[in-house]
Amino acid sequence: MSAMEHVEALKTKHSDLDKLIAEEESRPHPDDIRINELKRQKLKIKDEINHLAHH
């Protein structure tokens, strides 16, 4: 997998996490712990994308 393909895969995962966060937040009783974990994963992916984009 090329670096560009890897970045695209990470962007897809990032987008999927956005959807999961939105779904959880729209529930009548959202699970704050799950939301925080999803956001943490999303941030980690964003950092990796930025790292790959600058190298």
N, C-alpha and C. Protein backbone atom coordinates (compact mmCIF):
# COMPACT_ATOMS: atom_id res chain seq x y z
N MET A 1 0.85 -1.17 0.00
CA MET A 1 0.00 0.00 0.00
C MET A 1 0.89 1.24 0.00
N SER A 2 0.60 2.13 -0.93
CA SER A 2 1.38 3.36 -0.99
C SER A 2 0.97 4.30 0.14
N ALA A 3 1.79 5.31 0.36
CA ALA A 3 1.49 6.28 1.42
C ALA A 3 0.18 6.99 1.13
N MET A 4 -0.09 7.29 -0.14
CA MET A 4 -1.32 7.98 -0.51
C MET A 4 -2.54 7.09 -0.23
N GLU A 5 -2.42 5.81 -0.53
CA GLU A 5 -3.51 4.87 -0.26
C GLU A 5 -3.75 4.77 1.25
N HIS A 6 -2.67 4.76 2.00
CA HIS A 6 -2.78 4.68 3.45
C HIS A 6 -3.51 5.91 4.00
N VAL A 7 -3.16 7.09 3.49
CA VAL A 7 -3.82 8.33 3.93
C VAL A 7 -5.31 8.27 3.59
N GLU A 8 -5.64 7.78 2.40
CA GLU A 8 -7.05 7.69 2.00
C GLU A 8 -7.81 6.73 2.91
N ALA A 9 -7.18 5.61 3.26
CA ALA A 9 -7.80 4.64 4.17
C ALA A 9 -8.03 5.27 5.55
N LEU A 10 -7.06 6.04 6.01
CA LEU A 10 -7.20 6.73 7.30
C LEU A 10 -8.32 7.77 7.25
N LYS A 11 -8.44 8.47 6.12
CA LYS A 11 -9.50 9.46 5.98
C LYS A 11 -10.87 8.78 6.02
N THR A 12 -10.96 7.60 5.43
CA THR A 12 -12.21 6.85 5.46
C THR A 12 -12.55 6.44 6.89
N LYS A 13 -11.56 5.95 7.63
CA LYS A 13 -11.77 5.58 9.04
C LYS A 13 -12.20 6.80 9.85
N HIS A 14 -11.57 7.94 9.57
CA HIS A 14 -11.88 9.19 10.27
C HIS A 14 -13.34 9.56 10.03
N SER A 15 -13.78 9.45 8.79
CA SER A 15 -15.16 9.75 8.44
C SER A 15 -16.14 8.77 9.10
N ASP A 16 -15.76 7.50 9.12
CA ASP A 16 -16.61 6.49 9.77
C ASP A 16 -16.76 6.79 11.26
N LEU A 17 -15.68 7.23 11.89
CA LEU A 17 -15.75 7.58 13.31
C LEU A 17 -16.67 8.78 13.53
N ASP A 18 -16.65 9.75 12.60
CA ASP A 18 -17.56 10.89 12.68
C ASP A 18 -19.01 10.42 12.71
N LYS A 19 -19.31 9.46 11.84
CA LYS A 19 -20.68 8.93 11.77
C LYS A 19 -21.05 8.21 13.06
N LEU A 20 -20.14 7.41 13.60
CA LEU A 20 -20.41 6.70 14.84
C LEU A 20 -20.63 7.66 16.00
N ILE A 21 -19.84 8.73 16.05
CA ILE A 21 -20.00 9.74 17.10
C ILE A 21 -21.36 10.41 16.97
N ALA A 22 -21.75 10.78 15.75
CA ALA A 22 -23.04 11.43 15.53
C ALA A 22 -24.19 10.50 15.93
N GLU A 23 -24.06 9.22 15.58
CA GLU A 23 -25.10 8.26 15.95
C GLU A 23 -25.24 8.15 17.47
N GLU A 24 -24.10 8.05 18.14
CA GLU A 24 -24.12 7.91 19.60
C GLU A 24 -24.70 9.17 20.25
N GLU A 25 -24.32 10.34 19.75
CA GLU A 25 -24.79 11.60 20.32
C GLU A 25 -26.30 11.80 20.10
N SER A 26 -26.84 11.18 19.07
CA SER A 26 -28.26 11.36 18.78
C SER A 26 -29.16 10.41 19.56
N ARG A 27 -28.56 9.45 20.25
CA ARG A 27 -29.35 8.52 21.06
C ARG A 27 -29.96 9.25 22.25
N PRO A 28 -31.09 8.72 22.77
CA PRO A 28 -31.71 9.37 23.93
C PRO A 28 -30.78 9.47 25.15
N HIS A 29 -29.99 8.44 25.39
CA HIS A 29 -29.04 8.46 26.50
C HIS A 29 -27.66 8.07 25.98
N PRO A 30 -26.94 9.03 25.38
CA PRO A 30 -25.63 8.71 24.79
C PRO A 30 -24.63 8.25 25.84
N ASP A 31 -23.76 7.37 25.42
CA ASP A 31 -22.70 6.84 26.27
C ASP A 31 -21.48 7.75 26.15
N ASP A 32 -21.28 8.60 27.15
CA ASP A 32 -20.19 9.57 27.11
C ASP A 32 -18.82 8.91 27.02
N ILE A 33 -18.66 7.77 27.67
CA ILE A 33 -17.38 7.07 27.64
C ILE A 33 -17.09 6.60 26.21
N ARG A 34 -18.10 6.04 25.55
CA ARG A 34 -17.93 5.59 24.16
C ARG A 34 -17.62 6.78 23.25
N ILE A 35 -18.33 7.88 23.44
CA ILE A 35 -18.09 9.08 22.62
C ILE A 35 -16.66 9.56 22.80
N ASN A 36 -16.18 9.61 24.04
CA ASN A 36 -14.81 10.05 24.30
C ASN A 36 -13.79 9.12 23.66
N GLU A 37 -14.04 7.81 23.71
CA GLU A 37 -13.13 6.85 23.10
C GLU A 37 -13.11 7.02 21.58
N LEU A 38 -14.27 7.20 20.98
CA LEU A 38 -14.34 7.41 19.52
C LEU A 38 -13.62 8.69 19.13
N LYS A 39 -13.79 9.73 19.92
CA LYS A 39 -13.11 11.00 19.63
C LYS A 39 -11.60 10.86 19.78
N ARG A 40 -11.17 10.07 20.75
CA ARG A 40 -9.74 9.82 20.95
C ARG A 40 -9.17 9.08 19.73
N GLN A 41 -9.90 8.09 19.24
CA GLN A 41 -9.47 7.34 18.05
C GLN A 41 -9.41 8.27 16.84
N LYS A 42 -10.41 9.12 16.72
CA LYS A 42 -10.47 10.06 15.60
C LYS A 42 -9.27 11.01 15.63
N LEU A 43 -8.93 11.52 16.81
CA LEU A 43 -7.78 12.41 16.94
C LEU A 43 -6.47 11.70 16.60
N LYS A 44 -6.34 10.46 17.04
CA LYS A 44 -5.15 9.68 16.73
C LYS A 44 -4.99 9.51 15.22
N ILE A 45 -6.09 9.23 14.54
CA ILE A 45 -6.05 9.07 13.08
C ILE A 45 -5.70 10.40 12.42
N LYS A 46 -6.28 11.48 12.91
CA LYS A 46 -5.98 12.80 12.34
C LYS A 46 -4.50 13.13 12.49
N ASP A 47 -3.94 12.84 13.65
CA ASP A 47 -2.51 13.07 13.87
C ASP A 47 -1.67 12.24 12.91
N GLU A 48 -2.07 10.99 12.69
CA GLU A 48 -1.32 10.13 11.77
C GLU A 48 -1.41 10.66 10.34
N ILE A 49 -2.60 11.12 9.93
CA ILE A 49 -2.76 11.69 8.60
C ILE A 49 -1.85 12.91 8.44
N ASN A 50 -1.85 13.79 9.43
CA ASN A 50 -1.00 14.98 9.38
C ASN A 50 0.48 14.62 9.31
N HIS A 51 0.87 13.62 10.09
CA HIS A 51 2.25 13.18 10.09
C HIS A 51 2.65 12.65 8.72
N LEU A 52 1.81 11.84 8.12
CA LEU A 52 2.11 11.27 6.80
C LEU A 52 2.11 12.36 5.72
N ALA A 53 1.22 13.34 5.84
CA ALA A 53 1.13 14.38 4.85
C ALA A 53 2.34 15.31 4.85
N HIS A 54 2.99 15.42 6.01
CA HIS A 54 4.14 16.32 6.11
C HIS A 54 5.48 15.62 5.92
N HIS A 55 5.44 14.31 5.64
CA HIS A 55 6.71 13.58 5.43
C HIS A 55 6.75 12.92 4.10
